[in-house]
Amino acid sequence: GRFTISRDNAKNTVYLQMNSLKPDDTAVYYCAAGQPYLSCSKFNM
């Protein structure tokens, strides 16, 4: 309800639109690539 992920394959770019940000959102944000249809977790990217 606050964040929206999208991708533009023609530009090889993924976006994360973040709205209604809260102090708890403070962090270093990383993007990562993994095999499709596997669990999208930090352990298998």
All heavy atoms as atom14 arrays in JSON, in Angstrom:
{
  "sequence": "GRFTISRDNAKNTVYLQMNSLKPDDTAVYYCAAGQPYLSCSKFNM",
  "atom14_mask": [
    [1, 1, 1, 1, 0, 0, 0, 0, 0, 0, 0, 0, 0, 0],
    [1, 1, 1, 1, 1, 1, 1, 1, 1, 1, 1, 0, 0, 0],
    [1, 1, 1, 1, 1, 1, 1, 1, 1, 1, 1, 0, 0, 0],
    [1, 1, 1, 1, 1, 1, 1, 0, 0, 0, 0, 0, 0, 0],
    [1, 1, 1, 1, 1, 1, 1, 1, 0, 0, 0, 0, 0, 0],
    [1, 1, 1, 1, 1, 1, 0, 0, 0, 0, 0, 0, 0, 0],
    [1, 1, 1, 1, 1, 1, 1, 1, 1, 1, 1, 0, 0, 0],
    [1, 1, 1, 1, 1, 1, 1, 1, 0, 0, 0, 0, 0, 0],
    [1, 1, 1, 1, 1, 1, 1, 1, 0, 0, 0, 0, 0, 0],
    [1, 1, 1, 1, 1, 0, 0, 0, 0, 0, 0, 0, 0, 0],
    [1, 1, 1, 1, 1, 1, 1, 1, 1, 0, 0, 0, 0, 0],
    [1, 1, 1, 1, 1, 1, 1, 1, 0, 0, 0, 0, 0, 0],
    [1, 1, 1, 1, 1, 1, 1, 0, 0, 0, 0, 0, 0, 0],
    [1, 1, 1, 1, 1, 1, 1, 0, 0, 0, 0, 0, 0, 0],
    [1, 1, 1, 1, 1, 1, 1, 1, 1, 1, 1, 1, 0, 0],
    [1, 1, 1, 1, 1, 1, 1, 1, 0, 0, 0, 0, 0, 0],
    [1, 1, 1, 1, 1, 1, 1, 1, 1, 0, 0, 0, 0, 0],
    [1, 1, 1, 1, 1, 1, 1, 1, 0, 0, 0, 0, 0, 0],
    [1, 1, 1, 1, 1, 1, 1, 1, 0, 0, 0, 0, 0, 0],
    [1, 1, 1, 1, 1, 1, 0, 0, 0, 0, 0, 0, 0, 0],
    [1, 1, 1, 1, 1, 1, 1, 1, 0, 0, 0, 0, 0, 0],
    [1, 1, 1, 1, 1, 1, 1, 1, 1, 0, 0, 0, 0, 0],
    [1, 1, 1, 1, 1, 1, 1, 0, 0, 0, 0, 0, 0, 0],
    [1, 1, 1, 1, 1, 1, 1, 1, 0, 0, 0, 0, 0, 0],
    [1, 1, 1, 1, 1, 1, 1, 1, 0, 0, 0, 0, 0, 0],
    [1, 1, 1, 1, 1, 1, 1, 0, 0, 0, 0, 0, 0, 0],
    [1, 1, 1, 1, 1, 0, 0, 0, 0, 0, 0, 0, 0, 0],
    [1, 1, 1, 1, 1, 1, 1, 0, 0, 0, 0, 0, 0, 0],
    [1, 1, 1, 1, 1, 1, 1, 1, 1, 1, 1, 1, 0, 0],
    [1, 1, 1, 1, 1, 1, 1, 1, 1, 1, 1, 1, 0, 0],
    [1, 1, 1, 1, 1, 1, 0, 0, 0, 0, 0, 0, 0, 0],
    [1, 1, 1, 1, 1, 0, 0, 0, 0, 0, 0, 0, 0, 0],
    [1, 1, 1, 1, 1, 0, 0, 0, 0, 0, 0, 0, 0, 0],
    [1, 1, 1, 1, 0, 0, 0, 0, 0, 0, 0, 0, 0, 0],
    [1, 1, 1, 1, 1, 1, 1, 1, 1, 0, 0, 0, 0, 0],
    [1, 1, 1, 1, 1, 1, 1, 0, 0, 0, 0, 0, 0, 0],
    [1, 1, 1, 1, 1, 1, 1, 1, 1, 1, 1, 1, 0, 0],
    [1, 1, 1, 1, 1, 1, 1, 1, 0, 0, 0, 0, 0, 0],
    [1, 1, 1, 1, 1, 1, 0, 0, 0, 0, 0, 0, 0, 0],
    [1, 1, 1, 1, 1, 1, 0, 0, 0, 0, 0, 0, 0, 0],
    [1, 1, 1, 1, 1, 1, 0, 0, 0, 0, 0, 0, 0, 0],
    [1, 1, 1, 1, 1, 1, 1, 1, 1, 0, 0, 0, 0, 0],
    [1, 1, 1, 1, 1, 1, 1, 1, 1, 1, 1, 0, 0, 0],
    [1, 1, 1, 1, 1, 1, 1, 1, 0, 0, 0, 0, 0, 0],
    [1, 1, 1, 1, 1, 1, 1, 1, 0, 0, 0, 0, 0, 0]
  ],
  "atom14_positions": [
    [[0.79, -1.22, 0.0], [0.0, 0.0, 0.0], [0.81, 1.27, 0.0], [0.26, 2.35, -0.2], [0.0, 0.0, 0.0], [0.0, 0.0, 0.0], [0.0, 0.0, 0.0], [0.0, 0.0, 0.0], [0.0, 0.0, 0.0], [0.0, 0.0, 0.0], [0.0, 0.0, 0.0], [0.0, 0.0, 0.0], [0.0, 0.0, 0.0], [0.0, 0.0, 0.0]],
    [[2.11, 1.17, 0.22], [2.98, 2.34, 0.24], [4.04, 2.32, -0.85], [4.39, 3.36, -1.39], [3.67, 2.48, 1.6], [2.72, 2.64, 2.78], [3.48, 3.01, 4.05], [4.43, 1.96, 4.43], [5.73, 2.17, 4.64], [6.24, 3.39, 4.52], [6.52, 1.17, 5.0], [0.0, 0.0, 0.0], [0.0, 0.0, 0.0], [0.0, 0.0, 0.0]],
    [[4.55, 1.14, -1.14], [5.64, 0.99, -2.11], [5.11, 0.32, -3.37], [4.21, -0.53, -3.31], [6.77, 0.14, -1.54], [7.51, 0.73, -0.38], [7.15, 1.96, 0.17], [8.58, 0.05, 0.17], [7.84, 2.49, 1.24], [9.28, 0.58, 1.24], [8.92, 1.79, 1.78], [0.0, 0.0, 0.0], [0.0, 0.0, 0.0], [0.0, 0.0, 0.0]],
    [[5.71, 0.68, -4.49], [5.37, 0.06, -5.76], [6.64, -0.28, -6.51], [7.49, 0.59, -6.74], [4.51, 1.0, -6.63], [3.32, 1.36, -5.92], [4.13, 0.3, -7.93], [0.0, 0.0, 0.0], [0.0, 0.0, 0.0], [0.0, 0.0, 0.0], [0.0, 0.0, 0.0], [0.0, 0.0, 0.0], [0.0, 0.0, 0.0], [0.0, 0.0, 0.0]],
    [[6.77, -1.54, -6.89], [7.91, -1.97, -7.68], [7.5, -2.08, -9.14], [6.37, -2.45, -9.45], [8.47, -3.31, -7.15], [9.82, -3.64, -7.79], [7.47, -4.45, -7.36], [10.52, -4.83, -7.14], [0.0, 0.0, 0.0], [0.0, 0.0, 0.0], [0.0, 0.0, 0.0], [0.0, 0.0, 0.0], [0.0, 0.0, 0.0], [0.0, 0.0, 0.0]],
    [[8.4, -1.74, -10.02], [8.14, -1.84, -11.45], [9.46, -2.08, -12.17], [10.53, -1.86, -11.61], [7.44, -0.59, -11.99], [8.25, 0.56, -11.81], [0.0, 0.0, 0.0], [0.0, 0.0, 0.0], [0.0, 0.0, 0.0], [0.0, 0.0, 0.0], [0.0, 0.0, 0.0], [0.0, 0.0, 0.0], [0.0, 0.0, 0.0], [0.0, 0.0, 0.0]],
    [[9.37, -2.53, -13.4], [10.58, -2.72, -14.18], [10.36, -2.28, -15.61], [9.26, -2.39, -16.16], [11.06, -4.18, -14.12], [10.16, -5.2, -14.79], [10.61, -6.64, -14.45], [11.93, -6.95, -14.97], [12.67, -7.98, -14.58], [12.21, -8.81, -13.64], [13.87, -8.19, -15.13], [0.0, 0.0, 0.0], [0.0, 0.0, 0.0], [0.0, 0.0, 0.0]],
    [[11.42, -1.8, -16.2], [11.44, -1.4, -17.6], [12.55, -2.22, -18.25], [13.73, -1.86, -18.16], [11.68, 0.09, -17.74], [11.58, 0.58, -19.18], [11.7, -0.24, -20.11], [11.37, 1.79, -19.37], [0.0, 0.0, 0.0], [0.0, 0.0, 0.0], [0.0, 0.0, 0.0], [0.0, 0.0, 0.0], [0.0, 0.0, 0.0], [0.0, 0.0, 0.0]],
    [[12.18, -3.31, -18.87], [13.18, -4.2, -19.44], [13.96, -3.55, -20.58], [15.13, -3.88, -20.8], [12.52, -5.49, -19.92], [12.11, -6.39, -18.78], [12.65, -6.32, -17.68], [11.13, -7.26, -19.03], [0.0, 0.0, 0.0], [0.0, 0.0, 0.0], [0.0, 0.0, 0.0], [0.0, 0.0, 0.0], [0.0, 0.0, 0.0], [0.0, 0.0, 0.0]],
    [[13.33, -2.64, -21.3], [14.03, -1.94, -22.38], [15.17, -1.09, -21.85], [16.15, -0.85, -22.56], [13.06, -1.09, -23.17], [0.0, 0.0, 0.0], [0.0, 0.0, 0.0], [0.0, 0.0, 0.0], [0.0, 0.0, 0.0], [0.0, 0.0, 0.0], [0.0, 0.0, 0.0], [0.0, 0.0, 0.0], [0.0, 0.0, 0.0], [0.0, 0.0, 0.0]],
    [[15.05, -0.63, -20.62], [16.08, 0.19, -19.99], [16.93, -0.58, -19.0], [17.81, 0.0, -18.36], [15.45, 1.39, -19.29], [14.74, 2.35, -20.22], [14.16, 3.52, -19.45], [13.48, 4.5, -20.39], [12.9, 5.65, -19.64], [0.0, 0.0, 0.0], [0.0, 0.0, 0.0], [0.0, 0.0, 0.0], [0.0, 0.0, 0.0], [0.0, 0.0, 0.0]],
    [[16.66, -1.86, -18.84], [17.37, -2.68, -17.85], [17.33, -2.02, -16.47], [18.35, -1.96, -15.76], [18.81, -2.93, -18.28], [18.93, -3.98, -19.37], [17.94, -4.43, -19.94], [20.15, -4.38, -19.67], [0.0, 0.0, 0.0], [0.0, 0.0, 0.0], [0.0, 0.0, 0.0], [0.0, 0.0, 0.0], [0.0, 0.0, 0.0], [0.0, 0.0, 0.0]],
    [[16.17, -1.55, -16.09], [16.04, -0.8, -14.86], [14.81, -1.25, -14.08], [13.76, -1.52, -14.67], [15.95, 0.71, -15.14], [17.12, 1.13, -15.85], [15.86, 1.5, -13.85], [0.0, 0.0, 0.0], [0.0, 0.0, 0.0], [0.0, 0.0, 0.0], [0.0, 0.0, 0.0], [0.0, 0.0, 0.0], [0.0, 0.0, 0.0], [0.0, 0.0, 0.0]],
    [[14.96, -1.33, -12.78], [13.87, -1.6, -11.86], [13.73, -0.42, -10.92], [14.73, 0.19, -10.52], [14.12, -2.9, -11.07], [13.1, -3.07, -9.95], [14.06, -4.1, -12.0], [0.0, 0.0, 0.0], [0.0, 0.0, 0.0], [0.0, 0.0, 0.0], [0.0, 0.0, 0.0], [0.0, 0.0, 0.0], [0.0, 0.0, 0.0], [0.0, 0.0, 0.0]],
    [[12.49, -0.1, -10.57], [12.21, 1.03, -9.72], [11.48, 0.59, -8.46], [10.77, -0.42, -8.44], [11.32, 2.05, -10.45], [11.89, 2.5, -11.77], [11.49, 1.9, -12.96], [12.82, 3.53, -11.83], [12.01, 2.3, -14.18], [13.34, 3.94, -13.04], [12.94, 3.33, -14.21], [13.46, 3.74, -15.41], [0.0, 0.0, 0.0], [0.0, 0.0, 0.0]],
    [[11.65, 1.37, -7.43], [10.86, 1.21, -6.22], [10.35, 2.58, -5.83], [11.12, 3.42, -5.34], [11.68, 0.59, -5.09], [10.88, 0.28, -3.82], [9.89, -0.85, -4.06], [11.82, -0.07, -2.66], [0.0, 0.0, 0.0], [0.0, 0.0, 0.0], [0.0, 0.0, 0.0], [0.0, 0.0, 0.0], [0.0, 0.0, 0.0], [0.0, 0.0, 0.0]],
    [[9.08, 2.81, -6.06], [8.44, 4.04, -5.63], [8.0, 3.88, -4.19], [7.24, 2.97, -3.88], [7.24, 4.35, -6.52], [6.47, 5.61, -6.12], [7.27, 6.88, -6.33], [7.88, 7.05, -7.37], [7.27, 7.76, -5.33], [0.0, 0.0, 0.0], [0.0, 0.0, 0.0], [0.0, 0.0, 0.0], [0.0, 0.0, 0.0], [0.0, 0.0, 0.0]],
    [[8.49, 4.74, -3.33], [8.21, 4.66, -1.91], [7.45, 5.91, -1.49], [7.98, 7.02, -1.59], [9.51, 4.52, -1.11], [10.37, 3.35, -1.55], [11.76, 3.04, -0.44], [12.68, 4.56, -0.67], [0.0, 0.0, 0.0], [0.0, 0.0, 0.0], [0.0, 0.0, 0.0], [0.0, 0.0, 0.0], [0.0, 0.0, 0.0], [0.0, 0.0, 0.0]],
    [[6.25, 5.71, -1.01], [5.41, 6.79, -0.54], [5.11, 6.61, 0.94], [5.29, 5.53, 1.5], [4.09, 6.83, -1.33], [4.29, 7.07, -2.8], [5.19, 7.8, -3.21], [3.43, 6.45, -3.61], [0.0, 0.0, 0.0], [0.0, 0.0, 0.0], [0.0, 0.0, 0.0], [0.0, 0.0, 0.0], [0.0, 0.0, 0.0], [0.0, 0.0, 0.0]],
    [[4.64, 7.68, 1.55], [4.27, 7.64, 2.97], [5.38, 7.05, 3.82], [5.16, 6.18, 4.67], [2.96, 6.86, 3.16], [1.91, 7.43, 2.41], [0.0, 0.0, 0.0], [0.0, 0.0, 0.0], [0.0, 0.0, 0.0], [0.0, 0.0, 0.0], [0.0, 0.0, 0.0], [0.0, 0.0, 0.0], [0.0, 0.0, 0.0], [0.0, 0.0, 0.0]],
    [[6.57, 7.54, 3.61], [7.73, 6.97, 4.28], [7.68, 7.22, 5.78], [7.22, 8.26, 6.25], [9.01, 7.53, 3.69], [9.37, 6.95, 2.32], [10.38, 7.84, 1.61], [9.94, 5.54, 2.49], [0.0, 0.0, 0.0], [0.0, 0.0, 0.0], [0.0, 0.0, 0.0], [0.0, 0.0, 0.0], [0.0, 0.0, 0.0], [0.0, 0.0, 0.0]],
    [[8.18, 6.24, 6.5], [8.22, 6.26, 7.95], [9.66, 6.18, 8.43], [10.53, 5.67, 7.71], [7.44, 5.07, 8.51], [6.01, 4.96, 8.02], [5.38, 3.66, 8.51], [3.96, 3.51, 8.01], [3.36, 2.23, 8.45], [0.0, 0.0, 0.0], [0.0, 0.0, 0.0], [0.0, 0.0, 0.0], [0.0, 0.0, 0.0], [0.0, 0.0, 0.0]],
    [[9.94, 6.64, 9.64], [11.29, 6.5, 10.16], [11.8, 5.05, 10.13], [13.0, 4.83, 9.93], [11.17, 7.02, 11.59], [10.09, 8.04, 11.5], [9.1, 7.47, 10.51], [0.0, 0.0, 0.0], [0.0, 0.0, 0.0], [0.0, 0.0, 0.0], [0.0, 0.0, 0.0], [0.0, 0.0, 0.0], [0.0, 0.0, 0.0], [0.0, 0.0, 0.0]],
    [[10.91, 4.08, 10.32], [11.32, 2.68, 10.29], [11.74, 2.21, 8.91], [12.3, 1.12, 8.77], [10.18, 1.78, 10.79], [10.02, 1.83, 12.29], [10.89, 2.39, 12.98], [9.0, 1.3, 12.79], [0.0, 0.0, 0.0], [0.0, 0.0, 0.0], [0.0, 0.0, 0.0], [0.0, 0.0, 0.0], [0.0, 0.0, 0.0], [0.0, 0.0, 0.0]],
    [[11.5, 3.02, 7.89], [11.98, 2.69, 6.55], [13.44, 3.04, 6.35], [14.02, 2.71, 5.32], [11.14, 3.41, 5.49], [9.7, 2.95, 5.46], [9.45, 1.73, 5.58], [8.81, 3.83, 5.32], [0.0, 0.0, 0.0], [0.0, 0.0, 0.0], [0.0, 0.0, 0.0], [0.0, 0.0, 0.0], [0.0, 0.0, 0.0], [0.0, 0.0, 0.0]],
    [[14.03, 3.73, 7.31], [15.43, 4.13, 7.2], [16.31, 2.89, 7.11], [16.27, 2.02, 7.98], [15.83, 4.98, 8.41], [15.08, 6.2, 8.4], [17.32, 5.31, 8.36], [0.0, 0.0, 0.0], [0.0, 0.0, 0.0], [0.0, 0.0, 0.0], [0.0, 0.0, 0.0], [0.0, 0.0, 0.0], [0.0, 0.0, 0.0], [0.0, 0.0, 0.0]],
    [[17.11, 2.83, 6.07], [17.96, 1.67, 5.84], [18.78, 1.91, 4.59], [18.52, 2.84, 3.82], [17.12, 0.4, 5.66], [0.0, 0.0, 0.0], [0.0, 0.0, 0.0], [0.0, 0.0, 0.0], [0.0, 0.0, 0.0], [0.0, 0.0, 0.0], [0.0, 0.0, 0.0], [0.0, 0.0, 0.0], [0.0, 0.0, 0.0], [0.0, 0.0, 0.0]],
    [[19.76, 1.06, 4.39], [20.4, 0.96, 3.09], [19.57, 0.02, 2.24], [19.27, -1.1, 2.66], [21.85, 0.45, 3.21], [22.47, 0.27, 1.82], [22.69, 1.42, 4.03], [0.0, 0.0, 0.0], [0.0, 0.0, 0.0], [0.0, 0.0, 0.0], [0.0, 0.0, 0.0], [0.0, 0.0, 0.0], [0.0, 0.0, 0.0], [0.0, 0.0, 0.0]],
    [[19.2, 0.47, 1.07], [18.38, -0.31, 0.17], [19.23, -0.9, -0.94], [20.01, -0.19, -1.58], [17.27, 0.55, -0.43], [16.14, 0.8, 0.53], [16.31, 1.63, 1.63], [14.89, 0.19, 0.36], [15.29, 1.84, 2.54], [13.87, 0.4, 1.25], [14.06, 1.23, 2.33], [13.04, 1.44, 3.22], [0.0, 0.0, 0.0], [0.0, 0.0, 0.0]],
    [[19.07, -2.18, -1.16], [19.83, -2.91, -2.16], [18.89, -3.52, -3.19], [17.8, -3.98, -2.86], [20.6, -4.08, -1.52], [21.56, -3.7, -0.43], [21.14, -3.61, 0.89], [22.9, -3.46, -0.72], [22.03, -3.27, 1.9], [23.79, -3.13, 0.28], [23.35, -3.03, 1.59], [24.24, -2.71, 2.58], [0.0, 0.0, 0.0], [0.0, 0.0, 0.0]],
    [[19.33, -3.53, -4.43], [18.64, -4.35, -5.41], [19.49, -5.57, -5.71], [20.71, -5.57, -5.57], [18.3, -3.58, -6.69], [19.7, -3.01, -7.67], [0.0, 0.0, 0.0], [0.0, 0.0, 0.0], [0.0, 0.0, 0.0], [0.0, 0.0, 0.0], [0.0, 0.0, 0.0], [0.0, 0.0, 0.0], [0.0, 0.0, 0.0], [0.0, 0.0, 0.0]],
    [[18.82, -6.63, -6.1], [19.49, -7.89, -6.36], [18.72, -8.67, -7.41], [17.5, -8.52, -7.55], [19.6, -8.72, -5.07], [0.0, 0.0, 0.0], [0.0, 0.0, 0.0], [0.0, 0.0, 0.0], [0.0, 0.0, 0.0], [0.0, 0.0, 0.0], [0.0, 0.0, 0.0], [0.0, 0.0, 0.0], [0.0, 0.0, 0.0], [0.0, 0.0, 0.0]],
    [[19.43, -9.51, -8.13], [18.85, -10.32, -9.2], [18.97, -11.79, -8.86], [20.01, -12.25, -8.39], [19.55, -10.03, -10.52], [0.0, 0.0, 0.0], [0.0, 0.0, 0.0], [0.0, 0.0, 0.0], [0.0, 0.0, 0.0], [0.0, 0.0, 0.0], [0.0, 0.0, 0.0], [0.0, 0.0, 0.0], [0.0, 0.0, 0.0], [0.0, 0.0, 0.0]],
    [[17.9, -12.54, -9.13], [17.89, -13.96, -8.87], [17.1, -14.71, -9.93], [16.38, -14.12, -10.73], [0.0, 0.0, 0.0], [0.0, 0.0, 0.0], [0.0, 0.0, 0.0], [0.0, 0.0, 0.0], [0.0, 0.0, 0.0], [0.0, 0.0, 0.0], [0.0, 0.0, 0.0], [0.0, 0.0, 0.0], [0.0, 0.0, 0.0], [0.0, 0.0, 0.0]],
    [[17.23, -16.01, -9.9], [16.53, -16.86, -10.85], [15.02, -16.72, -10.69], [14.52, -16.73, -9.56], [16.93, -18.31, -10.68], [18.38, -18.62, -11.03], [18.64, -18.58, -12.51], [17.77, -18.89, -13.32], [19.84, -18.19, -12.88], [0.0, 0.0, 0.0], [0.0, 0.0, 0.0], [0.0, 0.0, 0.0], [0.0, 0.0, 0.0], [0.0, 0.0, 0.0]],
    [[14.3, -16.6, -11.79], [12.85, -16.47, -11.66], [12.21, -17.74, -11.11], [12.71, -18.85, -11.3], [12.4, -16.21, -13.1], [13.47, -16.83, -13.95], [14.75, -16.62, -13.18], [0.0, 0.0, 0.0], [0.0, 0.0, 0.0], [0.0, 0.0, 0.0], [0.0, 0.0, 0.0], [0.0, 0.0, 0.0], [0.0, 0.0, 0.0], [0.0, 0.0, 0.0]],
    [[11.13, -17.55, -10.39], [10.31, -18.62, -9.84], [10.96, -19.35, -8.68], [10.37, -20.3, -8.14], [9.86, -19.59, -10.93], [9.22, -18.88, -12.08], [9.81, -18.84, -13.33], [8.03, -18.18, -11.89], [9.23, -18.14, -14.37], [7.44, -17.49, -12.92], [8.05, -17.47, -14.17], [7.46, -16.77, -15.2], [0.0, 0.0, 0.0], [0.0, 0.0, 0.0]],
    [[12.13, -18.93, -8.27], [12.69, -19.34, -7.01], [12.24, -18.36, -5.94], [11.74, -17.28, -6.24], [14.21, -19.39, -7.07], [14.83, -20.35, -8.09], [16.35, -20.26, -8.03], [14.36, -21.77, -7.85], [0.0, 0.0, 0.0], [0.0, 0.0, 0.0], [0.0, 0.0, 0.0], [0.0, 0.0, 0.0], [0.0, 0.0, 0.0], [0.0, 0.0, 0.0]],
    [[12.43, -18.74, -4.7], [12.1, -17.84, -3.61], [12.95, -16.58, -3.71], [14.18, -16.66, -3.79], [12.33, -18.53, -2.27], [12.07, -17.64, -1.2], [0.0, 0.0, 0.0], [0.0, 0.0, 0.0], [0.0, 0.0, 0.0], [0.0, 0.0, 0.0], [0.0, 0.0, 0.0], [0.0, 0.0, 0.0], [0.0, 0.0, 0.0], [0.0, 0.0, 0.0]],
    [[12.29, -15.45, -3.73], [13.0, -14.17, -3.86], [13.45, -13.73, -2.48], [12.84, -12.85, -1.85], [12.09, -13.14, -4.52], [12.94, -11.64, -5.06], [0.0, 0.0, 0.0], [0.0, 0.0, 0.0], [0.0, 0.0, 0.0], [0.0, 0.0, 0.0], [0.0, 0.0, 0.0], [0.0, 0.0, 0.0], [0.0, 0.0, 0.0], [0.0, 0.0, 0.0]],
    [[14.5, -14.35, -2.02], [15.01, -14.08, -0.68], [16.48, -13.71, -0.76], [17.16, -13.95, -1.77], [14.83, -15.28, 0.24], [15.82, -16.26, 0.01], [0.0, 0.0, 0.0], [0.0, 0.0, 0.0], [0.0, 0.0, 0.0], [0.0, 0.0, 0.0], [0.0, 0.0, 0.0], [0.0, 0.0, 0.0], [0.0, 0.0, 0.0], [0.0, 0.0, 0.0]],
    [[16.97, -13.13, 0.32], [18.36, -12.72, 0.38], [19.33, -13.89, 0.28], [20.52, -13.68, 0.04], [18.63, -11.94, 1.66], [18.45, -12.75, 2.93], [18.65, -11.88, 4.17], [18.45, -12.68, 5.44], [18.61, -11.83, 6.65], [0.0, 0.0, 0.0], [0.0, 0.0, 0.0], [0.0, 0.0, 0.0], [0.0, 0.0, 0.0], [0.0, 0.0, 0.0]],
    [[18.84, -15.09, 0.48], [19.7, -16.27, 0.49], [19.96, -16.87, -0.88], [20.87, -17.68, -1.03], [19.12, -17.35, 1.41], [18.97, -16.91, 2.82], [17.71, -16.74, 3.38], [20.08, -16.68, 3.61], [17.57, -16.33, 4.69], [19.96, -16.27, 4.93], [18.69, -16.1, 5.47], [0.0, 0.0, 0.0], [0.0, 0.0, 0.0], [0.0, 0.0, 0.0]],
    [[19.19, -16.5, -1.87], [19.37, -17.12, -3.18], [19.48, -16.14, -4.33], [19.35, -16.54, -5.49], [18.28, -18.15, -3.46], [16.88, -17.58, -3.47], [16.68, -16.38, -3.61], [15.89, -18.45, -3.32], [0.0, 0.0, 0.0], [0.0, 0.0, 0.0], [0.0, 0.0, 0.0], [0.0, 0.0, 0.0], [0.0, 0.0, 0.0], [0.0, 0.0, 0.0]],
    [[19.73, -14.89, -4.05], [19.96, -13.93, -5.12], [21.38, -14.08, -5.65], [22.31, -14.35, -4.9], [19.71, -12.51, -4.65], [18.34, -12.29, -3.99], [16.93, -12.8, -5.02], [16.86, -11.45, -6.2], [0.0, 0.0, 0.0], [0.0, 0.0, 0.0], [0.0, 0.0, 0.0], [0.0, 0.0, 0.0], [0.0, 0.0, 0.0], [0.0, 0.0, 0.0]]
  ]
}
